[in-house]
C-alpha cells in the first residue's frame, strides 16, 4: 500500500493531475477528481466506456460542505476523524514496508509499541520558531 500526494507535480500518471487508483485481483481502476475513469480487466485489457451502476453523488467543495455542516449541525462529508483513521492505516503500512517488518500498535495512544525507529517515521523534524514551526501546545 502506498500513498502519494502529487498536487504540485507536473508528472501526471495517466495524464491526470489527481485521483485514486484501485488494484484488485483481476483488474485495476483509476478515478480522477475531475471525472476521468479508466478500467482494466484481466491481462490489462482495457474496458471501454466503463460506467458506474449508479450516478456519482454531486460533491460540493469541502469548504462549502464544511460551512453547511456547521449551519445544519451535521458531520461534513469529509469528516476529519474518518479521514485520519483511513489515512493512518496507509501511513502505518508504508512504515512497515520501509522497515521490512511487522508493527505492534497501541491504537489508543496511536503509537507503535517497542519500536523507536518506526515511531520516528510517524512525524518529521519541524523548523524552530516562525510561521512553519510546530505549535507550542503540541
Protein backbone atom coordinates (compact mmCIF):
# COMPACT_ATOMS: atom_id res chain seq x y z
CA UNK A 1 0.00 0.00 0.00
CA UNK A 2 1.49 3.36 -0.96
CA UNK A 3 0.02 6.81 -0.51
CA UNK A 4 1.46 9.67 -2.52
CA UNK A 5 0.48 13.30 -2.86
CA UNK A 6 1.09 14.75 -6.31
CA UNK A 7 -0.79 18.02 -6.07
CA UNK A 8 2.10 20.15 -7.28
CA UNK A 9 3.70 17.63 -9.60
CA UNK A 10 3.87 18.18 -13.33
CA UNK A 11 4.38 14.44 -13.91
CA UNK A 12 0.80 13.20 -14.08
CA UNK A 13 0.27 9.44 -14.32
CA UNK A 14 -2.40 8.61 -16.89
CA UNK A 15 -2.40 12.30 -17.95
CA UNK A 16 -4.41 13.06 -14.83
CA UNK A 17 -3.49 15.51 -12.08
CA UNK A 18 -5.33 13.92 -9.15
CA UNK A 19 -7.35 10.84 -8.35
CA UNK A 20 -7.19 7.37 -6.89
CA UNK A 21 -6.05 4.05 -8.29
CA UNK A 22 -7.58 0.79 -7.09
CA UNK A 23 -5.84 -2.52 -7.68
CA UNK A 24 -7.81 -5.76 -7.44
CA UNK A 25 -7.08 -9.42 -8.07
CA UNK A 26 -8.25 -9.34 -11.71
CA UNK A 27 -8.07 -5.69 -12.65
CA UNK A 28 -7.48 -2.10 -11.72
CA UNK A 29 -9.31 1.20 -11.94
CA UNK A 30 -8.35 4.88 -11.99
CA UNK A 31 -10.84 7.52 -10.86
CA UNK A 32 -9.88 11.16 -11.13
CA UNK A 33 -11.23 14.07 -9.17
CA UNK A 34 -12.43 15.59 -12.43
CA UNK A 35 -14.36 12.56 -13.70
CA UNK A 36 -11.80 10.54 -15.65
CA UNK A 37 -12.43 6.79 -15.35
CA UNK A 38 -10.15 4.07 -16.71
CA UNK A 39 -10.85 0.40 -16.00
CA UNK A 40 -8.61 -2.53 -16.90
CA UNK A 41 -9.64 -6.17 -16.52
CA UNK A 42 -7.68 -9.38 -16.67
CA UNK A 43 -4.39 -9.23 -18.57
CA UNK A 44 -4.53 -5.42 -18.59
CA UNK A 45 -7.42 -5.48 -21.08
CA UNK A 46 -8.94 -2.01 -21.17
CA UNK A 47 -12.68 -1.95 -20.56
CA UNK A 48 -14.10 0.79 -22.76
CA UNK A 49 -16.91 3.09 -21.59
CA UNK A 50 -16.91 1.70 -18.06
CA UNK A 51 -19.77 3.37 -16.21
CA UNK A 52 -20.94 3.05 -12.61
CA UNK A 53 -24.27 1.36 -11.95
CA UNK A 54 -25.41 4.44 -10.06
CA UNK A 55 -24.54 8.03 -10.97
CA UNK A 56 -21.95 9.61 -8.67
CA UNK A 57 -23.21 11.82 -5.87
CA UNK A 58 -22.73 15.53 -6.51
CA UNK A 59 -19.76 16.69 -4.49
CA UNK A 60 -19.53 20.31 -3.45
CA UNK A 61 -16.33 21.95 -2.34
CA UNK A 62 -15.02 20.90 1.06
CA UNK A 63 -15.25 24.49 2.28
CA UNK A 64 -18.91 24.88 1.26
CA UNK A 65 -19.82 21.49 2.73
CA UNK A 66 -17.97 22.29 5.97
CA UNK A 67 -19.84 25.58 6.41
CA UNK A 68 -23.16 23.93 5.55
CA UNK A 69 -22.45 21.18 8.08
CA UNK A 70 -21.88 23.79 10.79
CA UNK A 71 -25.16 25.53 9.92
CA UNK A 72 -27.09 22.24 9.77
CA UNK A 73 -25.45 20.66 12.83
CA UNK A 74 -24.26 17.59 10.90
CA UNK A 75 -20.92 15.95 10.17
CA UNK A 76 -19.24 17.19 6.98
CA UNK A 77 -18.84 14.79 4.05
CA UNK A 78 -15.08 14.75 4.64
CA UNK A 79 -15.15 14.24 8.40
CA UNK A 80 -11.69 14.80 9.85
CA UNK A 81 -11.76 11.80 12.21
CA UNK A 82 -12.75 9.40 9.41
CA UNK A 83 -10.04 10.86 7.19
CA UNK A 84 -7.47 10.45 9.95
CA UNK A 85 -8.40 6.83 10.61
CA UNK A 86 -8.34 5.96 6.89
CA UNK A 87 -5.01 7.61 6.12
CA UNK A 88 -3.35 6.37 9.32
CA UNK A 89 -3.60 2.80 8.03
CA UNK A 90 -1.82 3.75 4.81
CA UNK A 91 0.94 5.58 6.69
CA UNK A 92 1.44 2.62 9.03
CA UNK A 93 1.61 0.25 6.07
CA UNK A 94 4.27 2.47 4.47
CA UNK A 95 6.31 2.43 7.71
CA UNK A 96 6.12 -1.38 7.88
CA UNK A 97 7.18 -1.71 4.23
CA UNK A 98 10.08 0.75 4.61
CA UNK A 99 11.38 -1.07 7.68
CA UNK A 100 10.61 -4.54 6.34
CA UNK A 101 8.90 -5.76 9.49
CA UNK A 102 5.54 -6.06 11.24
CA UNK A 103 4.39 -3.42 13.70
CA UNK A 104 2.58 -3.75 17.04
CA UNK A 105 0.23 -0.87 17.68
CA UNK A 106 -1.27 0.86 20.69
CA UNK A 107 -4.38 2.21 18.98
CA UNK A 108 -5.42 4.37 21.95
CA UNK A 109 -2.07 6.19 22.16
CA UNK A 110 -1.57 5.98 18.37
CA UNK A 111 1.97 4.73 18.84
CA UNK A 112 3.96 1.78 17.59
CA UNK A 113 4.96 -0.38 20.55
CA UNK A 114 8.63 -1.04 21.30
CA UNK A 115 9.98 0.39 18.04
CA UNK A 116 11.58 3.82 18.31
CA UNK A 117 12.77 3.72 14.70
CA UNK A 118 9.22 3.14 13.44
CA UNK A 119 7.78 5.82 15.72
CA UNK A 120 10.27 8.37 14.33
CA UNK A 121 8.73 7.77 10.89
CA UNK A 122 5.33 8.92 12.19
CA UNK A 123 6.44 12.53 12.39
CA UNK A 124 9.02 14.87 10.92
CA UNK A 125 11.56 17.37 12.16
CA UNK A 126 9.94 20.79 12.26
CA UNK A 127 11.60 24.17 11.91
CA UNK A 128 12.16 26.12 15.09
CA UNK A 129 10.06 29.27 15.55
CA UNK A 130 8.18 31.23 12.94
CA UNK A 131 5.09 30.51 10.90
CA UNK A 132 6.02 26.98 9.76
CA UNK A 133 7.08 25.60 13.13
CA UNK A 134 5.28 23.05 15.28
CA UNK A 135 2.64 24.71 17.51
CA UNK A 136 3.77 25.45 21.08
CA UNK A 137 0.97 23.42 22.69
CA UNK A 138 1.69 20.27 20.62
